[in-house]
Amino acid sequence: MKTYFALLFMAVSFLSGCANDAPLGQHVAKLKAEQTYNPDATQENLDLIPYGSGDKMDSAYQLYLGKKTESMSSSSSQVINGFK
């Protein structure tokens, strides 16, 4: 009986040694690659990104929305005003 368990243990040991390694992280990497349409988009469109101060961008955004809200100067903040 002991030899039976010893042979069974050896067989299981040998078979588990032949098992393939689990492809950890490959599924997530594949999903990320499939969900990214163009990974080089930021480098290809650097000339299209607008630049400017916050006031300039705020006025452009208000013009885009078609409404005018309270404009903040560059030295004021709604967060800081809440703590006063």
PDB file of N, CA and C in Angstrom:
ATOM      1  N   MET A   1       0.822  -1.190   0.000  1.00  0.00           N
ATOM      2  CA  MET A   1       0.000   0.000   0.000  1.00  0.00           C
ATOM      3  C   MET A   1       0.868   1.256   0.000  1.00  0.00           C
ATOM      4  N   LYS A   2       1.991   1.170   0.768  1.00  0.00           N
ATOM      5  CA  LYS A   2       2.879   2.324   0.809  1.00  0.00           C
ATOM      6  C   LYS A   2       3.541   2.552  -0.542  1.00  0.00           C
ATOM      7  N   THR A   3       3.848   1.474  -1.236  1.00  0.00           N
ATOM      8  CA  THR A   3       4.473   1.633  -2.549  1.00  0.00           C
ATOM      9  C   THR A   3       3.484   2.246  -3.543  1.00  0.00           C
ATOM     10  N   TYR A   4       2.207   1.911  -3.403  1.00  0.00           N
ATOM     11  CA  TYR A   4       1.174   2.485  -4.269  1.00  0.00           C
ATOM     12  C   TYR A   4       1.114   3.999  -4.085  1.00  0.00           C
ATOM     13  N   PHE A   5       1.092   4.472  -2.833  1.00  0.00           N
ATOM     14  CA  PHE A   5       1.043   5.908  -2.567  1.00  0.00           C
ATOM     15  C   PHE A   5       2.340   6.596  -2.993  1.00  0.00           C
ATOM     16  N   ALA A   6       3.453   5.898  -2.827  1.00  0.00           N
ATOM     17  CA  ALA A   6       4.736   6.466  -3.244  1.00  0.00           C
ATOM     18  C   ALA A   6       4.775   6.635  -4.757  1.00  0.00           C
ATOM     19  N   LEU A   7       4.293   5.624  -5.497  1.00  0.00           N
ATOM     20  CA  LEU A   7       4.248   5.727  -6.956  1.00  0.00           C
ATOM     21  C   LEU A   7       3.257   6.799  -7.407  1.00  0.00           C
ATOM     22  N   LEU A   8       2.132   6.876  -6.732  1.00  0.00           N
ATOM     23  CA  LEU A   8       1.140   7.905  -7.056  1.00  0.00           C
ATOM     24  C   LEU A   8       1.713   9.299  -6.808  1.00  0.00           C
ATOM     25  N   PHE A   9       2.405   9.461  -5.694  1.00  0.00           N
ATOM     26  CA  PHE A   9       3.020  10.747  -5.374  1.00  0.00           C
ATOM     27  C   PHE A   9       4.081  11.122  -6.406  1.00  0.00           C
ATOM     28  N   MET A  10       4.885  10.148  -6.818  1.00  0.00           N
ATOM     29  CA  MET A  10       5.914  10.415  -7.816  1.00  0.00           C
ATOM     30  C   MET A  10       5.291  10.769  -9.164  1.00  0.00           C
ATOM     31  N   ALA A  11       4.216  10.078  -9.535  1.00  0.00           N
ATOM     32  CA  ALA A  11       3.557  10.368 -10.808  1.00  0.00           C
ATOM     33  C   ALA A  11       2.961  11.775 -10.807  1.00  0.00           C
ATOM     34  N   VAL A  12       2.324  12.131  -9.702  1.00  0.00           N
ATOM     35  CA  VAL A  12       1.753  13.479  -9.600  1.00  0.00           C
ATOM     36  C   VAL A  12       2.857  14.524  -9.628  1.00  0.00           C
ATOM     37  N   SER A  13       3.965  14.256  -8.974  1.00  0.00           N
ATOM     38  CA  SER A  13       5.096  15.194  -8.956  1.00  0.00           C
ATOM     39  C   SER A  13       5.658  15.397 -10.356  1.00  0.00           C
ATOM     40  N   PHE A  14       5.829  14.312 -11.096  1.00  0.00           N
ATOM     41  CA  PHE A  14       6.363  14.431 -12.446  1.00  0.00           C
ATOM     42  C   PHE A  14       5.395  15.158 -13.373  1.00  0.00           C
ATOM     43  N   LEU A  15       4.113  14.865 -13.251  1.00  0.00           N
ATOM     44  CA  LEU A  15       3.130  15.515 -14.113  1.00  0.00           C
ATOM     45  C   LEU A  15       2.969  16.995 -13.784  1.00  0.00           C
ATOM     46  N   SER A  16       3.068  17.337 -12.522  1.00  0.00           N
ATOM     47  CA  SER A  16       2.944  18.756 -12.176  1.00  0.00           C
ATOM     48  C   SER A  16       4.177  19.535 -12.604  1.00  0.00           C
ATOM     49  N   GLY A  17       5.300  18.879 -12.718  1.00  0.00           N
ATOM     50  CA  GLY A  17       6.511  19.540 -13.203  1.00  0.00           C
ATOM     51  C   GLY A  17       6.435  19.869 -14.680  1.00  0.00           C
ATOM     52  N   CYS A  18       5.583  19.184 -15.413  1.00  0.00           N
ATOM     53  CA  CYS A  18       5.436  19.420 -16.846  1.00  0.00           C
ATOM     54  C   CYS A  18       4.340  20.436 -17.167  1.00  0.00           C
ATOM     55  N   ALA A  19       3.713  20.959 -16.165  1.00  0.00           N
ATOM     56  CA  ALA A  19       2.612  21.898 -16.397  1.00  0.00           C
ATOM     57  C   ALA A  19       3.141  23.200 -16.981  1.00  0.00           C
ATOM     58  N   ASN A  20       2.345  23.824 -17.832  1.00  0.00           N
ATOM     59  CA  ASN A  20       2.721  25.103 -18.428  1.00  0.00           C
ATOM     60  C   ASN A  20       2.616  26.216 -17.395  1.00  0.00           C
ATOM     61  N   ASP A  21       3.463  27.227 -17.566  1.00  0.00           N
ATOM     62  CA  ASP A  21       3.366  28.393 -16.701  1.00  0.00           C
ATOM     63  C   ASP A  21       2.119  29.189 -17.070  1.00  0.00           C
ATOM     64  N   ALA A  22       1.476  29.729 -16.069  1.00  0.00           N
ATOM     65  CA  ALA A  22       0.278  30.530 -16.309  1.00  0.00           C
ATOM     66  C   ALA A  22       0.675  31.857 -16.952  1.00  0.00           C
ATOM     67  N   PRO A  23      -0.032  32.272 -17.998  1.00  0.00           N
ATOM     68  CA  PRO A  23       0.302  33.541 -18.663  1.00  0.00           C
ATOM     69  C   PRO A  23      -0.239  34.736 -17.869  1.00  0.00           C
ATOM     70  N   LEU A  24       0.404  35.030 -16.755  1.00  0.00           N
ATOM     71  CA  LEU A  24      -0.082  36.095 -15.888  1.00  0.00           C
ATOM     72  C   LEU A  24       0.109  37.459 -16.552  1.00  0.00           C
ATOM     73  N   GLY A  25      -0.948  38.236 -16.590  1.00  0.00           N
ATOM     74  CA  GLY A  25      -0.879  39.589 -17.122  1.00  0.00           C
ATOM     75  C   GLY A  25      -1.048  39.697 -18.620  1.00  0.00           C
ATOM     76  N   GLN A  26      -0.990  38.595 -19.338  1.00  0.00           N
ATOM     77  CA  GLN A  26      -1.108  38.672 -20.793  1.00  0.00           C
ATOM     78  C   GLN A  26      -2.526  39.019 -21.230  1.00  0.00           C
ATOM     79  N   HIS A  27      -3.519  38.583 -20.476  1.00  0.00           N
ATOM     80  CA  HIS A  27      -4.905  38.891 -20.827  1.00  0.00           C
ATOM     81  C   HIS A  27      -5.168  40.387 -20.695  1.00  0.00           C
ATOM     82  N   VAL A  28      -4.683  40.975 -19.613  1.00  0.00           N
ATOM     83  CA  VAL A  28      -4.881  42.413 -19.403  1.00  0.00           C
ATOM     84  C   VAL A  28      -4.113  43.210 -20.454  1.00  0.00           C
ATOM     85  N   ALA A  29      -2.911  42.791 -20.784  1.00  0.00           N
ATOM     86  CA  ALA A  29      -2.130  43.480 -21.812  1.00  0.00           C
ATOM     87  C   ALA A  29      -2.819  43.387 -23.171  1.00  0.00           C
ATOM     88  N   LYS A  30      -3.420  42.241 -23.461  1.00  0.00           N
ATOM     89  CA  LYS A  30      -4.139  42.076 -24.730  1.00  0.00           C
ATOM     90  C   LYS A  30      -5.367  42.978 -24.776  1.00  0.00           C
ATOM     91  N   LEU A  31      -6.122  43.045 -23.671  1.00  0.00           N
ATOM     92  CA  LEU A  31      -7.290  43.923 -23.627  1.00  0.00           C
ATOM     93  C   LEU A  31      -6.895  45.385 -23.778  1.00  0.00           C
ATOM     94  N   LYS A  32      -5.810  45.775 -23.131  1.00  0.00           N
ATOM     95  CA  LYS A  32      -5.344  47.162 -23.224  1.00  0.00           C
ATOM     96  C   LYS A  32      -4.952  47.498 -24.657  1.00  0.00           C
ATOM     97  N   ALA A  33      -4.274  46.588 -25.321  1.00  0.00           N
ATOM     98  CA  ALA A  33      -3.868  46.822 -26.710  1.00  0.00           C
ATOM     99  C   ALA A  33      -5.076  46.876 -27.637  1.00  0.00           C
ATOM    100  N   GLU A  34      -6.088  46.068 -27.380  1.00  0.00           N
ATOM    101  CA  GLU A  34      -7.280  46.066 -28.224  1.00  0.00           C
ATOM    102  C   GLU A  34      -8.131  47.307 -28.006  1.00  0.00           C
ATOM    103  N   GLN A  35      -8.121  47.848 -26.799  1.00  0.00           N
ATOM    104  CA  GLN A  35      -8.952  49.008 -26.502  1.00  0.00           C
ATOM    105  C   GLN A  35      -8.272  50.323 -26.874  1.00  0.00           C
ATOM    106  N   THR A  36      -6.995  50.299 -27.164  1.00  0.00           N
ATOM    107  CA  THR A  36      -6.275  51.500 -27.569  1.00  0.00           C
ATOM    108  C   THR A  36      -6.247  51.534 -29.086  1.00  0.00           C
ATOM    109  N   TYR A  37      -6.984  52.482 -29.671  1.00  0.00           N
ATOM    110  CA  TYR A  37      -7.077  52.552 -31.124  1.00  0.00           C
ATOM    111  C   TYR A  37      -5.752  52.990 -31.738  1.00  0.00           C
ATOM    112  N   ASN A  38      -5.181  54.056 -31.204  1.00  0.00           N
ATOM    113  CA  ASN A  38      -3.919  54.562 -31.729  1.00  0.00           C
ATOM    114  C   ASN A  38      -3.024  54.939 -30.558  1.00  0.00           C
ATOM    115  N   PRO A  39      -2.076  54.092 -30.187  1.00  0.00           N
ATOM    116  CA  PRO A  39      -1.240  54.390 -29.023  1.00  0.00           C
ATOM    117  C   PRO A  39      -0.315  55.586 -29.221  1.00  0.00           C
ATOM    118  N   ASP A  40      -0.039  55.984 -30.460  1.00  0.00           N
ATOM    119  CA  ASP A  40       0.851  57.114 -30.728  1.00  0.00           C
ATOM    120  C   ASP A  40       0.089  58.406 -31.001  1.00  0.00           C
ATOM    121  N   ALA A  41      -1.174  58.479 -30.627  1.00  0.00           N
ATOM    122  CA  ALA A  41      -1.994  59.645 -30.944  1.00  0.00           C
ATOM    123  C   ALA A  41      -1.479  60.914 -30.280  1.00  0.00           C
ATOM    124  N   THR A  42      -0.982  60.828 -29.065  1.00  0.00           N
ATOM    125  CA  THR A  42      -0.504  62.040 -28.395  1.00  0.00           C
ATOM    126  C   THR A  42       0.721  62.611 -29.094  1.00  0.00           C
ATOM    127  N   GLN A  43       1.607  61.765 -29.563  1.00  0.00           N
ATOM    128  CA  GLN A  43       2.798  62.261 -30.249  1.00  0.00           C
ATOM    129  C   GLN A  43       2.474  62.758 -31.658  1.00  0.00           C
ATOM    130  N   GLU A  44       1.499  62.161 -32.315  1.00  0.00           N
ATOM    131  CA  GLU A  44       1.151  62.559 -33.679  1.00  0.00           C
ATOM    132  C   GLU A  44       0.358  63.857 -33.720  1.00  0.00           C
ATOM    133  N   ASN A  45      -0.315  64.221 -32.632  1.00  0.00           N
ATOM    134  CA  ASN A  45      -1.191  65.388 -32.626  1.00  0.00           C
ATOM    135  C   ASN A  45      -0.700  66.501 -31.712  1.00  0.00           C
ATOM    136  N   LEU A  46       0.596  66.603 -31.515  1.00  0.00           N
ATOM    137  CA  LEU A  46       1.126  67.653 -30.647  1.00  0.00           C
ATOM    138  C   LEU A  46       0.841  69.046 -31.194  1.00  0.00           C
ATOM    139  N   ASP A  47       0.829  69.208 -32.520  1.00  0.00           N
ATOM    140  CA  ASP A  47       0.571  70.528 -33.088  1.00  0.00           C
ATOM    141  C   ASP A  47      -0.910  70.909 -33.027  1.00  0.00           C
ATOM    142  N   LEU A  48      -1.792  69.982 -32.755  1.00  0.00           N
ATOM    143  CA  LEU A  48      -3.223  70.275 -32.670  1.00  0.00           C
ATOM    144  C   LEU A  48      -3.682  70.665 -31.269  1.00  0.00           C
ATOM    145  N   ILE A  49      -2.861  70.388 -30.266  1.00  0.00           N
ATOM    146  CA  ILE A  49      -3.249  70.680 -28.893  1.00  0.00           C
ATOM    147  C   ILE A  49      -3.153  72.180 -28.664  1.00  0.00           C
ATOM    148  N   PRO A  50      -4.252  72.830 -28.271  1.00  0.00           N
ATOM    149  CA  PRO A  50      -4.190  74.279 -28.045  1.00  0.00           C
ATOM    150  C   PRO A  50      -3.413  74.594 -26.776  1.00  0.00           C
ATOM    151  N   TYR A  51      -2.755  75.714 -26.790  1.00  0.00           N
ATOM    152  CA  TYR A  51      -2.028  76.149 -25.610  1.00  0.00           C
ATOM    153  C   TYR A  51      -2.462  77.573 -25.284  1.00  0.00           C
ATOM    154  N   GLY A  52      -2.358  77.937 -24.067  1.00  0.00           N
ATOM    155  CA  GLY A  52      -2.724  79.283 -23.658  1.00  0.00           C
ATOM    156  C   GLY A  52      -2.939  79.343 -22.167  1.00  0.00           C
ATOM    157  N   SER A  53      -3.256  80.531 -21.709  1.00  0.00           N
ATOM    158  CA  SER A  53      -3.483  80.712 -20.277  1.00  0.00           C
ATOM    159  C   SER A  53      -4.876  80.217 -19.908  1.00  0.00           C
ATOM    160  N   GLY A  54      -5.133  80.130 -18.628  1.00  0.00           N
ATOM    161  CA  GLY A  54      -6.441  79.672 -18.169  1.00  0.00           C
ATOM    162  C   GLY A  54      -7.555  80.615 -18.555  1.00  0.00           C
ATOM    163  N   ASP A  55      -7.286  81.930 -18.528  1.00  0.00           N
ATOM    164  CA  ASP A  55      -8.309  82.910 -18.906  1.00  0.00           C
ATOM    165  C   ASP A  55      -8.670  82.780 -20.380  1.00  0.00           C
ATOM    166  N   LYS A  56      -7.656  82.580 -21.215  1.00  0.00           N
ATOM    167  CA  LYS A  56      -7.905  82.432 -22.650  1.00  0.00           C
ATOM    168  C   LYS A  56      -8.720  81.168 -22.923  1.00  0.00           C
ATOM    169  N   MET A  57      -8.356  80.085 -22.269  1.00  0.00           N
ATOM    170  CA  MET A  57      -9.081  78.837 -22.481  1.00  0.00           C
ATOM    171  C   MET A  57     -10.493  78.913 -21.905  1.00  0.00           C
ATOM    172  N   ASP A  58     -10.657  79.628 -20.791  1.00  0.00           N
ATOM    173  CA  ASP A  58     -11.982  79.784 -20.192  1.00  0.00           C
ATOM    174  C   ASP A  58     -12.895  80.578 -21.114  1.00  0.00           C
ATOM    175  N   SER A  59     -12.373  81.650 -21.716  1.00  0.00           N
ATOM    176  CA  SER A  59     -13.211  82.435 -22.630  1.00  0.00           C
ATOM    177  C   SER A  59     -13.556  81.630 -23.883  1.00  0.00           C
ATOM    178  N   ALA A  60     -12.632  80.819 -24.367  1.00  0.00           N
ATOM    179  CA  ALA A  60     -12.928  79.978 -25.532  1.00  0.00           C
ATOM    180  C   ALA A  60     -13.979  78.928 -25.185  1.00  0.00           C
ATOM    181  N   TYR A  61     -13.907  78.386 -23.976  1.00  0.00           N
ATOM    182  CA  TYR A  61     -14.890  77.389 -23.545  1.00  0.00           C
ATOM    183  C   TYR A  61     -16.267  78.021 -23.371  1.00  0.00           C
ATOM    184  N   GLN A  62     -16.320  79.236 -22.825  1.00  0.00           N
ATOM    185  CA  GLN A  62     -17.601  79.926 -22.662  1.00  0.00           C
ATOM    186  C   GLN A  62     -18.205  80.259 -24.022  1.00  0.00           C
ATOM    187  N   LEU A  63     -17.376  80.642 -24.982  1.00  0.00           N
ATOM    188  CA  LEU A  63     -17.855  80.903 -26.336  1.00  0.00           C
ATOM    189  C   LEU A  63     -18.390  79.623 -26.965  1.00  0.00           C
ATOM    190  N   TYR A  64     -17.726  78.508 -26.708  1.00  0.00           N
ATOM    191  CA  TYR A  64     -18.170  77.215 -27.223  1.00  0.00           C
ATOM    192  C   TYR A  64     -19.519  76.834 -26.629  1.00  0.00           C
ATOM    193  N   LEU A  65     -19.693  77.075 -25.327  1.00  0.00           N
ATOM    194  CA  LEU A  65     -20.955  76.739 -24.675  1.00  0.00           C
ATOM    195  C   LEU A  65     -22.074  77.693 -25.050  1.00  0.00           C
ATOM    196  N   GLY A  66     -21.727  78.901 -25.447  1.00  0.00           N
ATOM    197  CA  GLY A  66     -22.734  79.881 -25.808  1.00  0.00           C
ATOM    198  C   GLY A  66     -23.344  80.577 -24.611  1.00  0.00           C
ATOM    199  N   LYS A  67     -22.708  80.523 -23.478  1.00  0.00           N
ATOM    200  CA  LYS A  67     -23.205  81.209 -22.293  1.00  0.00           C
ATOM    201  C   LYS A  67     -22.025  81.793 -21.547  1.00  0.00           C
ATOM    202  N   LYS A  68     -22.317  82.767 -20.732  1.00  0.00           N
ATOM    203  CA  LYS A  68     -21.263  83.432 -19.982  1.00  0.00           C
ATOM    204  C   LYS A  68     -21.502  83.199 -18.501  1.00  0.00           C
ATOM    205  N   THR A  69     -20.493  82.727 -17.825  1.00  0.00           N
ATOM    206  CA  THR A  69     -20.570  82.548 -16.381  1.00  0.00           C
ATOM    207  C   THR A  69     -19.557  83.468 -15.730  1.00  0.00           C
ATOM    208  N   GLU A  70     -19.510  83.428 -14.422  1.00  0.00           N
ATOM    209  CA  GLU A  70     -18.547  84.263 -13.713  1.00  0.00           C
ATOM    210  C   GLU A  70     -17.138  83.845 -14.115  1.00  0.00           C
ATOM    211  N   SER A  71     -16.400  84.819 -14.571  1.00  0.00           N
ATOM    212  CA  SER A  71     -15.026  84.530 -14.966  1.00  0.00           C
ATOM    213  C   SER A  71     -14.120  84.688 -13.760  1.00  0.00           C
ATOM    214  N   MET A  72     -13.217  83.781 -13.613  1.00  0.00           N
ATOM    215  CA  MET A  72     -12.276  83.845 -12.500  1.00  0.00           C
ATOM    216  C   MET A  72     -10.973  84.441 -12.991  1.00  0.00           C
ATOM    217  N   SER A  73     -10.377  85.278 -12.191  1.00  0.00           N
ATOM    218  CA  SER A  73      -9.053  85.769 -12.545  1.00  0.00           C
ATOM    219  C   SER A  73      -8.038  84.680 -12.221  1.00  0.00           C
ATOM    220  N   SER A  74      -6.837  84.863 -12.689  1.00  0.00           N
ATOM    221  CA  SER A  74      -5.834  83.819 -12.500  1.00  0.00           C
ATOM    222  C   SER A  74      -5.404  83.678 -11.045  1.00  0.00           C
ATOM    223  N   SER A  75      -5.704  84.683 -10.197  1.00  0.00           N
ATOM    224  CA  SER A  75      -5.277  84.603  -8.799  1.00  0.00           C
ATOM    225  C   SER A  75      -6.395  84.156  -7.860  1.00  0.00           C
ATOM    226  N   SER A  76      -7.593  83.920  -8.374  1.00  0.00           N
ATOM    227  CA  SER A  76      -8.692  83.498  -7.504  1.00  0.00           C
ATOM    228  C   SER A  76      -8.995  82.023  -7.726  1.00  0.00           C
ATOM    229  N   SER A  77      -9.590  81.431  -6.726  1.00  0.00           N
ATOM    230  CA  SER A  77      -9.922  80.018  -6.802  1.00  0.00           C
ATOM    231  C   SER A  77     -11.194  79.773  -6.018  1.00  0.00           C
ATOM    232  N   GLN A  78     -12.086  78.958  -6.565  1.00  0.00           N
ATOM    233  CA  GLN A  78     -13.312  78.632  -5.852  1.00  0.00           C
ATOM    234  C   GLN A  78     -13.023  77.755  -4.651  1.00  0.00           C
ATOM    235  N   VAL A  79     -12.003  76.946  -4.728  1.00  0.00           N
ATOM    236  CA  VAL A  79     -11.661  76.069  -3.611  1.00  0.00           C
ATOM    237  C   VAL A  79     -11.166  76.891  -2.434  1.00  0.00           C
ATOM    238  N   ILE A  80     -10.285  77.842  -2.714  1.00  0.00           N
ATOM    239  CA  ILE A  80      -9.749  78.679  -1.638  1.00  0.00           C
ATOM    240  C   ILE A  80     -10.844  79.560  -1.053  1.00  0.00           C
ATOM    241  N   ASN A  81     -11.767  80.049  -1.895  1.00  0.00           N
ATOM    242  CA  ASN A  81     -12.862  80.880  -1.390  1.00  0.00           C
ATOM    243  C   ASN A  81     -13.751  80.103  -0.435  1.00  0.00           C
ATOM    244  N   GLY A  82     -13.865  78.808  -0.605  1.00  0.00           N
ATOM    245  CA  GLY A  82     -14.683  77.996   0.282  1.00  0.00           C
ATOM    246  C   GLY A  82     -14.098  77.856   1.670  1.00  0.00           C
ATOM    247  N   PHE A  83     -12.800  78.060   1.830  1.00  0.00           N
ATOM    248  CA  PHE A  83     -12.151  77.910   3.127  1.00  0.00           C
ATOM    249  C   PHE A  83     -12.096  79.205   3.920  1.00  0.00           C
ATOM    250  N   LYS A  84     -12.452  80.326   3.310  1.00  0.00           N
ATOM    251  CA  LYS A  84     -12.356  81.612   4.015  1.00  0.00           C
ATOM    252  C   LYS A  84     -13.453  81.777   5.022  1.00  0.00           C
TER     253      LYS A  84
END
